[in-house]
Protein backbone atom coordinates (compact mmCIF):
# COMPACT_ATOMS: atom_id res chain seq x y z
CA MET A 1 23.72 29.12 -38.49
CA LYS A 2 20.19 28.66 -37.12
CA TRP A 3 20.49 24.91 -36.69
CA LYS A 4 23.44 25.42 -34.31
CA TYR A 5 21.40 27.74 -32.12
CA THR A 6 18.51 25.27 -32.23
CA ILE A 7 20.77 22.45 -31.04
CA LYS A 8 22.19 24.64 -28.25
CA LEU A 9 18.69 25.60 -27.16
CA CYS A 10 17.58 21.95 -27.09
CA ILE A 11 20.65 20.99 -25.06
CA PHE A 12 20.02 23.87 -22.65
CA ILE A 13 16.39 22.81 -22.16
CA LEU A 14 17.38 19.15 -21.70
CA LEU A 15 20.03 20.01 -19.11
CA GLY A 16 17.56 22.28 -17.36
CA GLN A 17 15.01 19.47 -17.14
CA VAL A 18 17.63 17.06 -15.77
CA LEU A 19 18.77 19.60 -13.17
CA PHE A 20 15.17 20.43 -12.21
CA SER A 21 14.39 16.72 -11.84
CA LYS A 22 17.44 16.13 -9.64
CA ILE A 23 16.62 19.07 -7.38
CA SER A 24 12.99 17.97 -7.08
CA TYR A 25 14.14 14.45 -6.22
CA VAL A 26 16.34 15.68 -3.37
CA LEU A 27 13.83 18.14 -1.93
CA ARG A 28 10.66 16.07 -2.01
CA ASP A 29 9.17 14.29 1.01
CA LYS A 30 10.48 10.69 1.16
CA THR A 31 7.93 9.36 3.69
CA ALA A 32 6.51 6.71 1.35
CA ALA A 33 9.19 6.78 -1.33
CA ASN A 34 10.79 3.44 -0.47
CA ARG A 35 7.40 1.73 -0.74
CA GLU A 36 6.14 3.13 -4.04
CA ALA A 37 8.98 4.52 -6.16
CA PRO A 38 10.88 1.20 -6.62
CA PHE A 39 7.75 -0.41 -8.04
CA PHE A 40 8.23 1.52 -11.26
CA GLN A 41 11.73 0.04 -11.67
CA GLU A 42 10.48 -3.55 -11.41
CA GLN A 43 10.80 -5.72 -14.53
CA LYS A 44 7.73 -5.07 -16.63
CA ASN A 45 4.88 -7.57 -16.21
CA SER A 46 6.75 -9.50 -13.52
CA ILE A 47 4.30 -8.88 -10.65
CA ASP A 48 1.46 -11.40 -10.36
CA ILE A 49 -0.25 -9.95 -7.26
CA LEU A 50 -0.76 -6.26 -6.49
CA LEU A 51 -1.62 -5.27 -2.92
CA ILE A 52 -3.34 -1.89 -2.58
CA GLY A 53 -4.73 -0.17 0.51
CA PRO A 54 -3.76 1.75 3.66
CA SER A 55 -0.94 1.07 6.13
CA SER A 56 -2.90 -1.70 7.89
CA LEU A 57 -2.39 -3.79 4.73
CA ASP A 58 1.16 -2.56 4.20
CA VAL A 59 2.33 -4.11 7.49
CA SER A 60 0.16 -7.24 7.25
CA VAL A 61 1.46 -9.05 4.16
CA SER A 62 5.14 -9.46 3.32
CA PRO A 63 5.73 -9.82 -0.44
CA LEU A 64 9.10 -11.51 -0.02
CA GLU A 65 7.84 -13.93 2.65
CA LEU A 66 4.97 -14.69 0.26
CA TYR A 67 7.55 -15.44 -2.43
CA LYS A 68 9.66 -17.59 -0.11
CA GLU A 69 6.70 -19.70 1.03
CA TYR A 70 4.51 -19.83 -2.07
CA GLY A 71 6.62 -18.54 -4.94
CA TYR A 72 4.24 -15.66 -5.66
CA THR A 73 5.61 -12.39 -7.02
CA SER A 74 3.71 -9.59 -5.33
CA TYR A 75 4.20 -5.93 -4.58
CA SER A 76 2.61 -3.78 -1.88
CA LEU A 77 1.48 -0.36 -3.03
CA ALA A 78 -0.31 0.18 0.27
CA ASN A 79 0.47 3.38 2.14
CA GLY A 80 -0.66 5.15 5.29
CA GLY A 81 -3.92 7.08 5.00
CA GLN A 82 -4.53 5.93 1.43
CA SER A 83 -8.21 6.46 0.60
CA LEU A 84 -10.13 4.34 -1.87
CA ALA A 85 -9.92 7.24 -4.32
CA ILE A 86 -6.11 7.19 -4.13
CA ASN A 87 -6.24 3.39 -4.34
CA TYR A 88 -8.02 3.66 -7.67
CA TRP A 89 -5.44 6.03 -9.12
CA CYS A 90 -2.65 3.97 -7.61
CA LEU A 91 -3.96 0.95 -9.51
CA LYS A 92 -4.54 2.97 -12.67
CA ASN A 93 -0.90 4.08 -12.74
CA ALA A 94 0.43 0.66 -11.70
CA LEU A 95 -1.31 -1.05 -14.60
CA ARG A 96 0.78 0.99 -17.02
CA TYR A 97 3.75 -1.11 -15.89
CA GLN A 98 2.37 -4.43 -14.72
CA ASN A 99 -0.32 -6.87 -15.83
CA PRO A 100 -1.09 -8.70 -12.55
CA LYS A 101 -3.14 -11.85 -12.34
CA LEU A 102 -4.72 -10.70 -9.07
CA VAL A 103 -5.38 -7.28 -7.52
CA VAL A 104 -6.03 -7.22 -3.76
CA VAL A 105 -7.71 -4.11 -2.31
CA ASP A 106 -8.21 -3.51 1.42
CA ILE A 107 -11.45 -1.63 2.28
CA SER A 108 -10.40 -0.27 5.69
CA TYR A 109 -11.19 3.31 4.61
CA LEU A 110 -14.66 2.49 3.30
CA HIS A 111 -16.16 4.81 5.94
CA MET A 112 -14.15 7.85 4.81
CA GLN A 113 -16.23 10.28 2.74
CA ASP A 114 -13.42 12.81 2.31
CA ILE A 115 -11.90 12.00 -1.08
CA LEU A 116 -8.42 12.08 0.49
CA ALA A 117 -9.54 10.56 3.81
CA GLY A 118 -8.72 13.86 5.49
CA GLN A 119 -5.00 13.47 4.76
CA PRO A 120 -4.03 15.49 1.66
CA ALA A 121 -0.33 14.96 2.37
CA ARG A 122 -0.83 11.31 1.47
CA LEU A 123 -1.62 12.34 -2.10
CA SER A 124 1.78 14.01 -2.38
CA GLN A 125 3.46 10.90 -1.02
CA PHE A 126 1.76 8.96 -3.80
CA VAL A 127 2.05 11.24 -6.84
CA ASP A 128 5.61 12.33 -6.06
CA ASN A 129 6.75 8.76 -6.57
CA ILE A 130 5.08 7.86 -9.86
CA PRO A 131 6.46 8.70 -13.31
CA PHE A 132 4.89 11.49 -15.29
CA SER A 133 2.00 10.35 -17.49
CA ILE A 134 -1.50 11.39 -18.52
CA ASP A 135 -2.83 9.17 -15.71
CA LYS A 136 -0.76 11.07 -13.17
CA VAL A 137 -2.13 14.36 -14.51
CA ASN A 138 -5.71 13.04 -14.45
CA CYS A 139 -5.21 11.82 -10.89
CA ILE A 140 -4.14 15.26 -9.72
CA MET A 141 -6.99 16.95 -11.58
CA ASP A 142 -9.52 14.51 -10.15
CA LEU A 143 -8.44 14.69 -6.50
CA THR A 144 -7.41 18.33 -6.07
CA GLU A 145 -8.68 21.81 -6.82
CA PRO A 146 -7.43 23.70 -9.92
CA ASP A 147 -5.41 26.16 -7.83
CA GLU A 148 -3.46 23.17 -6.40
CA TRP A 149 -2.61 21.42 -9.65
CA LEU A 150 0.76 23.07 -10.20
CA ASP A 151 1.83 22.25 -6.63
CA TYR A 152 1.49 18.56 -7.41
CA LEU A 153 2.74 18.68 -10.99
CA LEU A 154 5.78 20.79 -10.08
CA ASN A 155 6.34 19.59 -6.55
CA ILE A 156 9.34 21.85 -6.07
CA ARG A 157 6.72 24.52 -5.32
CA MET A 158 5.76 22.52 -2.21
CA TYR A 159 9.24 21.60 -1.09
CA HIS A 160 11.42 24.57 -2.08
CA SER A 161 11.97 25.46 1.59
CA ARG A 162 12.67 21.90 2.71
CA TRP A 163 16.41 22.30 2.10
CA LYS A 164 16.75 23.17 5.79
CA GLU A 165 15.56 19.67 6.73
CA LEU A 166 17.63 17.63 4.27
CA THR A 167 19.50 14.58 5.53
CA GLU A 168 21.92 12.16 3.90
CA ASN A 169 19.02 9.89 2.95
CA ASP A 170 17.52 12.59 0.71
CA PHE A 171 20.47 12.17 -1.68
CA LYS A 172 20.45 8.38 -1.78
CA LYS A 173 18.79 6.16 -4.34
CA ILE A 174 15.31 5.07 -3.22
CA THR A 175 15.12 1.32 -2.67
CA SER A 176 12.68 -1.15 -1.08
CA ILE A 177 13.84 -3.93 1.22
CA ASN A 178 10.56 -5.88 0.87
CA LYS A 179 8.87 -5.04 -2.44
CA GLY A 180 6.94 -2.17 -0.87
CA GLY A 181 5.98 -4.04 2.29
CA ALA A 182 6.73 -2.55 5.71
CA VAL A 183 7.48 -4.29 8.98
CA ASN A 184 7.91 -3.14 12.58
CA PHE A 185 9.07 -4.92 15.70
CA ASN A 186 7.07 -3.10 18.36
CA LYS A 187 4.59 -4.96 20.53
CA TRP A 188 1.31 -3.75 21.98
CA ASN A 189 2.71 -3.00 25.44
CA ASP A 190 5.53 -0.89 23.96
CA ASN A 191 2.95 1.80 23.17
CA SER A 192 1.71 3.58 26.29
CA ASN A 193 -1.32 4.86 24.35
CA ASN A 194 -2.67 1.35 23.83
CA PRO A 195 -5.39 0.14 26.23
CA PRO A 196 -5.02 -3.17 28.09
CA VAL A 197 -5.71 -6.01 25.66
CA GLU A 198 -8.91 -7.93 26.14
CA LYS A 199 -10.32 -10.55 23.79
CA LEU A 200 -11.73 -8.74 20.78
CA LEU A 201 -15.46 -9.17 20.29
CA VAL A 202 -15.81 -9.99 16.61
CA LEU A 203 -19.32 -9.18 15.45
CA GLU A 204 -21.24 -11.82 13.55
CA LYS A 205 -21.53 -11.35 9.80
CA THR A 206 -25.22 -10.70 10.24
CA ASP A 207 -24.53 -7.70 12.51
CA LYS A 208 -24.03 -5.26 9.68
CA LYS A 209 -24.59 -1.79 8.25
CA SER A 210 -25.35 -0.98 4.61
CA VAL A 211 -22.54 0.56 2.58
CA ASP A 212 -24.99 2.42 0.31
CA GLU A 213 -24.60 5.82 2.00
CA TYR A 214 -20.82 5.82 1.51
CA LYS A 215 -21.14 7.04 -2.04
CA ILE A 216 -17.64 8.39 -2.60
CA SER A 217 -15.99 5.14 -1.54
CA ILE A 218 -18.42 3.07 -3.60
CA GLU A 219 -17.84 5.32 -6.63
CA TYR A 220 -14.11 4.54 -6.58
CA ILE A 221 -14.68 0.88 -5.76
CA GLU A 222 -16.78 0.67 -8.92
CA LYS A 223 -13.97 2.32 -10.87
CA ILE A 224 -11.53 -0.25 -9.49
CA ILE A 225 -13.89 -3.05 -10.55
CA SER A 226 -14.21 -1.62 -14.06
CA LEU A 227 -10.46 -1.18 -14.37
CA CYS A 228 -9.77 -4.80 -13.41
CA GLU A 229 -12.41 -6.03 -15.85
CA LYS A 230 -10.76 -4.08 -18.68
CA GLN A 231 -7.34 -5.36 -17.67
CA ASN A 232 -8.69 -8.92 -17.38
CA CYS A 233 -7.23 -9.45 -13.91
CA GLU A 234 -9.00 -10.99 -10.94
CA LEU A 235 -10.00 -8.76 -8.05
CA LEU A 236 -10.17 -9.60 -4.36
CA PHE A 237 -11.41 -7.19 -1.70
CA ILE A 238 -10.25 -7.84 1.85
CA LYS A 239 -10.40 -6.37 5.32
CA VAL A 240 -7.29 -6.90 7.40
CA PRO A 241 -8.24 -7.44 11.06
CA SER A 242 -7.69 -4.71 13.64
CA TYR A 243 -8.50 -4.20 17.32
CA ALA A 244 -11.80 -2.58 16.43
CA THR A 245 -13.55 -2.18 19.75
CA GLY A 246 -14.69 0.98 21.50
CA GLU A 247 -13.18 4.23 20.25
CA THR A 248 -10.37 3.85 17.71
CA ASN A 249 -8.38 6.29 15.59
CA HIS A 250 -11.04 5.89 12.90
CA GLY A 251 -14.20 5.96 15.00
CA ASN A 252 -16.22 3.45 16.98
CA GLY A 253 -14.82 -0.03 16.42
CA GLU A 254 -18.13 -1.86 16.49
CA GLU A 255 -19.65 0.55 13.95
CA LEU A 256 -16.65 0.00 11.69
CA GLN A 257 -17.06 -3.76 12.00
CA ARG A 258 -20.73 -3.43 11.02
CA LEU A 259 -19.78 -1.51 7.91
CA TRP A 260 -17.10 -4.03 6.93
CA ASN A 261 -19.71 -6.77 7.47
CA GLY A 262 -22.12 -4.79 5.28
CA PHE A 263 -19.64 -5.14 2.43
CA TYR A 264 -20.53 -8.85 2.29
CA ASP A 265 -23.91 -7.87 0.84
CA TYR A 266 -22.37 -5.44 -1.66
CA ALA A 267 -19.87 -8.08 -2.75
CA SER A 268 -22.59 -10.71 -3.16
CA GLU A 269 -24.84 -8.36 -5.13
CA ASN A 270 -22.00 -7.49 -7.50
CA ASN A 271 -20.44 -10.96 -7.79
CA LEU A 272 -17.23 -9.86 -6.07
CA SER A 273 -14.75 -11.84 -3.99
CA TYR A 274 -14.38 -10.55 -0.43
CA ILE A 275 -12.58 -11.89 2.65
CA ASN A 276 -13.17 -10.21 5.98
CA PHE A 277 -10.26 -11.59 7.98
CA PHE A 278 -11.94 -10.55 11.23
CA HIS A 279 -13.83 -13.82 10.98
CA GLU A 280 -10.62 -15.81 10.58
CA ILE A 281 -8.59 -14.33 13.46
CA ASP A 282 -8.68 -17.60 15.42
CA GLU A 283 -7.59 -19.63 12.37
CA MET A 284 -4.62 -17.30 11.95
CA GLY A 285 -3.76 -17.56 15.65
CA ILE A 286 -3.70 -13.78 16.09
CA ASP A 287 -2.85 -12.51 19.58
CA PHE A 288 -3.18 -8.72 19.66
CA GLU A 289 -0.77 -8.30 22.56
CA GLU A 290 1.96 -10.22 20.74
CA ASP A 291 1.12 -9.60 17.08
CA TYR A 292 0.13 -5.91 16.93
CA SER A 293 1.94 -2.65 17.65
CA ASP A 294 -1.30 -0.66 17.99
CA TRP A 295 -5.01 -1.04 17.24
CA GLY A 296 -4.62 -1.14 13.45
CA HIS A 297 -1.09 -2.32 12.64
CA MET A 298 0.45 -5.77 12.85
CA ASN A 299 4.07 -6.15 13.88
CA TYR A 300 6.56 -8.62 12.40
CA TRP A 301 5.10 -11.60 14.26
CA GLY A 302 1.54 -10.81 13.17
CA ASN A 303 2.80 -10.16 9.65
CA CYS A 304 4.27 -13.69 9.50
CA LYS A 305 0.95 -15.23 10.56
CA MET A 306 -1.11 -13.11 8.18
CA THR A 307 1.25 -13.67 5.25
CA HIS A 308 1.20 -17.45 5.71
CA TYR A 309 -2.58 -17.55 6.01
CA PHE A 310 -3.14 -15.11 3.15
CA GLY A 311 -0.88 -17.16 0.89
CA LYS A 312 -2.80 -20.29 1.84
CA ARG A 313 -6.12 -18.68 0.90
CA ILE A 314 -4.67 -17.48 -2.41
CA SER A 315 -3.30 -20.94 -3.21
CA GLU A 316 -6.72 -22.48 -2.54
CA ASN A 317 -8.71 -20.06 -4.66
CA TYR A 318 -6.49 -18.63 -7.41
CA ASN A 319 -4.15 -20.02 -10.03
CA ILE A 320 -1.05 -17.94 -9.35
CA ALA A 321 2.26 -19.26 -10.69
CA ASP A 322 5.03 -20.44 -8.37
CA ARG A 323 8.09 -18.59 -9.67
CA ARG A 324 10.72 -20.07 -7.34
CA ASN A 325 12.20 -22.43 -9.93
CA ASP A 326 11.92 -20.00 -12.83
CA PRO A 327 15.46 -18.77 -13.68
CA SER A 328 14.09 -15.47 -15.00
CA TYR A 329 12.95 -14.68 -11.43
CA LYS A 330 16.28 -15.46 -9.76
CA ASN A 331 16.48 -11.84 -8.59
CA TRP A 332 13.51 -12.53 -6.29
CA GLY A 333 15.45 -15.23 -4.47
CA ASP A 334 18.38 -12.85 -4.17
CA ALA A 335 16.09 -10.13 -2.83
CA TYR A 336 14.71 -12.53 -0.22
CA LEU A 337 18.22 -13.33 1.05
CA VAL A 338 18.87 -9.61 1.58
CA TYR A 339 15.51 -9.26 3.34
CA GLU A 340 16.26 -12.30 5.52
CA VAL A 341 19.52 -10.74 6.73
CA TYR A 342 17.69 -7.48 7.46
CA ILE A 343 15.00 -9.30 9.50
CA GLN A 344 17.55 -11.32 11.45
CA ASP A 345 19.52 -8.20 12.33
CA LYS A 346 16.33 -6.53 13.56
CA LEU A 347 15.32 -9.59 15.60
CA ASN A 348 18.78 -9.79 17.17
CA SER A 349 18.61 -6.10 18.02
CA THR A 350 15.14 -6.53 19.55
CA MET A 351 16.38 -9.44 21.68
CA ARG A 352 19.33 -7.40 22.96
CA GLU A 353 17.00 -4.57 23.95
CA ASP A 354 14.81 -7.00 25.89
CA GLU A 355 17.73 -8.40 27.88
């Protein structure tokens, strides 16, 4: 009978999709998977603060330390090399699952006029880890050329030969130890490529450069603004401090500082909230030699200082709920205990290496 063949065909297609999904999961690049993929398994509408930006933000604010100290539920969807264009689509997809009270966007890549900040692999690390939806499709169509669309939609086309590189971790469930946040325990002098640390010259706010010529970045910033307005969530732009002096990985440090200072004018003209943490380095007690692993990335000790100070600024300016005594958020306390054990193990290991 025809209905029997129809049922068999449907079962065959379903099993094929499951098998295809499992194979794609194993083969795909897991570089950023433990930061982004677990976000989409979080309890719906449980995240009050979303952190979006490049790796400099990812290692600067610890969501679970923020919860421990202030009771805020936050998640870091920051990732290395993430342009403002990817940030927009990251937020667009995130808002399908969460309705945050506050969205925090780091503008470190404001100077990048390449839509993918010159790092197309970062797009794969993002789209591979988000569920299929029309927003995912639109993201791929917006940021890539038509002849690349299938590579991102059916990522097995990219990774079919990666089976030679597979490790045990490729078969494990993807989890996040710190709600997307990353932490490292290296110090400045551990990296032979770092120059000797001298006191960073922080340019005055008035020493600035207009952002007007950076049209691609501004285009996606305006999309982020519009998206937050539609979602009725507050928006805060920030610039995490870095050792921006002389030549850096992203260009001349002083020129970058001038551009980040120029964003003050843009923010004022458009009634936006903006904190350039360069001008609050002393208040945070930042010591680049002790608190950074390289010119743009804080280590664990810098992360603790930044997280405490960031939480303080949020508590002073935004009405974000303290969830620590809310029984429906007990899993956050449990997650912090796991994170605390992980941190202590790493600190003990670091101390043994120094002996």
